[in-house]
C-alpha cells in the first residue's frame, strides 16, 4: 500500500517535466511539503475578457493590479467584464 501511495510522486515529476515545468521541491522540515512552480506570464494584456478563459482573466487582473496597485473592483469589472463577485472569486492558482 505504501508503494502505491508514493507512486504519485514519480507521476507528478514526469508530468511536470513533460509540461516544461520546474521539478517539484520536496521539504521535510517538520512536515512533508511539496512546492510546485510554474512560470508567471510577463506579457501585458488589456481589454475585456468574456470570462471563458479564466487564465486570461487572471492575467488581465494581475497586469491591472501591477500597473495600478490602487485599482478598484469596479475598474477590474470594467476591464474583465466580470461581476463584482466574479472579480472577488477569481482564483490565482
C-alpha atoms as a PDB file:
ATOM      1  CA  UNK A   1       0.000   0.000   0.000  1.00  0.00           C
ATOM      2  CA  UNK A   2       2.843   2.423   0.786  1.00  0.00           C
ATOM      3  CA  UNK A   3       4.321   1.749  -2.654  1.00  0.00           C
ATOM      4  CA  UNK A   4       1.062   2.765  -4.286  1.00  0.00           C
ATOM      5  CA  UNK A   5       0.827   5.923  -2.209  1.00  0.00           C
ATOM      6  CA  UNK A   6       4.333   7.001  -3.203  1.00  0.00           C
ATOM      7  CA  UNK A   7       3.857   6.296  -6.903  1.00  0.00           C
ATOM      8  CA  UNK A   8       2.090   9.624  -7.396  1.00  0.00           C
ATOM      9  CA  UNK A   9       5.327  11.499  -6.772  1.00  0.00           C
ATOM     10  CA  UNK A  10       7.012   9.885  -9.772  1.00  0.00           C
ATOM     11  CA  UNK A  11       3.991  10.545 -11.994  1.00  0.00           C
ATOM     12  CA  UNK A  12       3.875  14.151 -10.822  1.00  0.00           C
ATOM     13  CA  UNK A  13       7.568  14.644 -11.612  1.00  0.00           C
ATOM     14  CA  UNK A  14       7.148  13.067 -15.054  1.00  0.00           C
ATOM     15  CA  UNK A  15       4.107  15.194 -15.925  1.00  0.00           C
ATOM     16  CA  UNK A  16       5.801  18.385 -14.803  1.00  0.00           C
ATOM     17  CA  UNK A  17       8.870  17.553 -16.884  1.00  0.00           C
ATOM     18  CA  UNK A  18       6.681  16.805 -19.940  1.00  0.00           C
ATOM     19  CA  UNK A  19       4.966  20.178 -19.473  1.00  0.00           C
ATOM     20  CA  UNK A  20       8.294  22.003 -19.293  1.00  0.00           C
ATOM     21  CA  UNK A  21       7.785  22.974 -15.658  1.00  0.00           C
ATOM     22  CA  UNK A  22      10.415  23.016 -12.933  1.00  0.00           C
ATOM     23  CA  UNK A  23      10.787  19.837 -10.928  1.00  0.00           C
ATOM     24  CA  UNK A  24       8.884  19.900  -7.625  1.00  0.00           C
ATOM     25  CA  UNK A  25      10.834  20.751  -4.480  1.00  0.00           C
ATOM     26  CA  UNK A  26      10.452  18.409  -1.516  1.00  0.00           C
ATOM     27  CA  UNK A  27      10.871  19.701   2.031  1.00  0.00           C
ATOM     28  CA  UNK A  28      10.845  17.557   5.144  1.00  0.00           C
ATOM     29  CA  UNK A  29      11.346  20.233   7.820  1.00  0.00           C
ATOM     30  CA  UNK A  30       8.700  19.172  10.333  1.00  0.00           C
ATOM     31  CA  UNK A  31       6.007  18.341   7.782  1.00  0.00           C
ATOM     32  CA  UNK A  32       6.431  16.797   4.358  1.00  0.00           C
ATOM     33  CA  UNK A  33       5.788  19.580   1.843  1.00  0.00           C
ATOM     34  CA  UNK A  34       5.957  19.703  -1.947  1.00  0.00           C
ATOM     35  CA  UNK A  35       6.460  23.067  -3.678  1.00  0.00           C
ATOM     36  CA  UNK A  36       5.266  23.259  -7.275  1.00  0.00           C
ATOM     37  CA  UNK A  37       6.367  26.090  -9.556  1.00  0.00           C
ATOM     38  CA  UNK A  38       5.005  27.402 -12.791  1.00  0.00           C
ATOM     39  CA  UNK A  39       6.144  30.301 -14.936  1.00  0.00           C
ATOM     40  CA  UNK A  40       4.480  33.668 -14.474  1.00  0.00           C
ATOM     41  CA  UNK A  41       3.461  35.286 -17.712  1.00  0.00           C
ATOM     42  CA  UNK A  42       5.074  38.683 -18.163  1.00  0.00           C
ATOM     43  CA  UNK A  43       3.010  39.559 -21.239  1.00  0.00           C
ATOM     44  CA  UNK A  44       0.855  42.642 -20.957  1.00  0.00           C
ATOM     45  CA  UNK A  45      -2.856  42.322 -21.622  1.00  0.00           C
ATOM     46  CA  UNK A  46      -5.627  44.829 -21.805  1.00  0.00           C
ATOM     47  CA  UNK A  47      -9.228  44.913 -22.806  1.00  0.00           C
ATOM     48  CA  UNK A  48     -12.221  42.883 -21.805  1.00  0.00           C
ATOM     49  CA  UNK A  49     -12.401  39.165 -21.331  1.00  0.00           C
ATOM     50  CA  UNK A  50     -15.563  37.142 -21.671  1.00  0.00           C
ATOM     51  CA  UNK A  51     -14.529  35.145 -18.607  1.00  0.00           C
ATOM     52  CA  UNK A  52     -14.463  31.954 -20.696  1.00  0.00           C
ATOM     53  CA  UNK A  53     -10.708  31.703 -20.254  1.00  0.00           C
ATOM     54  CA  UNK A  54     -10.024  32.086 -16.551  1.00  0.00           C
ATOM     55  CA  UNK A  55      -6.258  32.079 -17.196  1.00  0.00           C
ATOM     56  CA  UNK A  56      -6.647  35.120 -19.437  1.00  0.00           C
ATOM     57  CA  UNK A  57      -8.903  36.800 -16.879  1.00  0.00           C
ATOM     58  CA  UNK A  58      -6.374  36.203 -14.113  1.00  0.00           C
ATOM     59  CA  UNK A  59      -3.647  37.638 -16.353  1.00  0.00           C
ATOM     60  CA  UNK A  60      -5.744  40.761 -17.012  1.00  0.00           C
ATOM     61  CA  UNK A  61      -6.403  41.233 -13.288  1.00  0.00           C
ATOM     62  CA  UNK A  62      -2.748  40.713 -12.319  1.00  0.00           C
ATOM     63  CA  UNK A  63      -1.489  43.084 -15.006  1.00  0.00           C
ATOM     64  CA  UNK A  64      -4.023  45.732 -13.996  1.00  0.00           C
ATOM     65  CA  UNK A  65      -3.038  45.418 -10.332  1.00  0.00           C
ATOM     66  CA  UNK A  66       0.645  45.571 -11.216  1.00  0.00           C
ATOM     67  CA  UNK A  67       0.094  48.726 -13.287  1.00  0.00           C
ATOM     68  CA  UNK A  68      -2.142  50.367 -10.672  1.00  0.00           C
ATOM     69  CA  UNK A  69      -1.892  48.843  -7.159  1.00  0.00           C
ATOM     70  CA  UNK A  70      -4.835  51.039  -6.041  1.00  0.00           C
ATOM     71  CA  UNK A  71      -7.173  49.822  -8.793  1.00  0.00           C
ATOM     72  CA  UNK A  72     -10.770  49.417  -7.664  1.00  0.00           C
ATOM     73  CA  UNK A  73     -13.020  46.393  -8.021  1.00  0.00           C
ATOM     74  CA  UNK A  74     -15.244  48.493 -10.328  1.00  0.00           C
ATOM     75  CA  UNK A  75     -12.281  49.184 -12.617  1.00  0.00           C
ATOM     76  CA  UNK A  76     -11.416  45.457 -12.622  1.00  0.00           C
ATOM     77  CA  UNK A  77     -15.038  44.703 -13.514  1.00  0.00           C
ATOM     78  CA  UNK A  78     -14.791  47.087 -16.468  1.00  0.00           C
ATOM     79  CA  UNK A  79     -11.525  45.506 -17.663  1.00  0.00           C
ATOM     80  CA  UNK A  80     -12.683  41.888 -17.359  1.00  0.00           C
ATOM     81  CA  UNK A  81     -16.417  42.025 -17.939  1.00  0.00           C
ATOM     82  CA  UNK A  82     -16.918  40.093 -14.693  1.00  0.00           C
ATOM     83  CA  UNK A  83     -19.386  40.877 -11.937  1.00  0.00           C
ATOM     84  CA  UNK A  84     -18.162  42.210  -8.600  1.00  0.00           C
ATOM     85  CA  UNK A  85     -18.442  38.696  -7.216  1.00  0.00           C
ATOM     86  CA  UNK A  86     -16.629  37.276 -10.256  1.00  0.00           C
ATOM     87  CA  UNK A  87     -13.679  39.609  -9.695  1.00  0.00           C
ATOM     88  CA  UNK A  88     -13.577  38.705  -5.994  1.00  0.00           C
ATOM     89  CA  UNK A  89     -13.641  34.968  -6.574  1.00  0.00           C
ATOM     90  CA  UNK A  90     -11.178  34.743  -9.458  1.00  0.00           C
ATOM     91  CA  UNK A  91      -8.640  32.107  -8.451  1.00  0.00           C
ATOM     92  CA  UNK A  92      -4.923  32.683  -8.915  1.00  0.00           C
ATOM     93  CA  UNK A  93      -3.672  29.115  -8.640  1.00  0.00           C
END
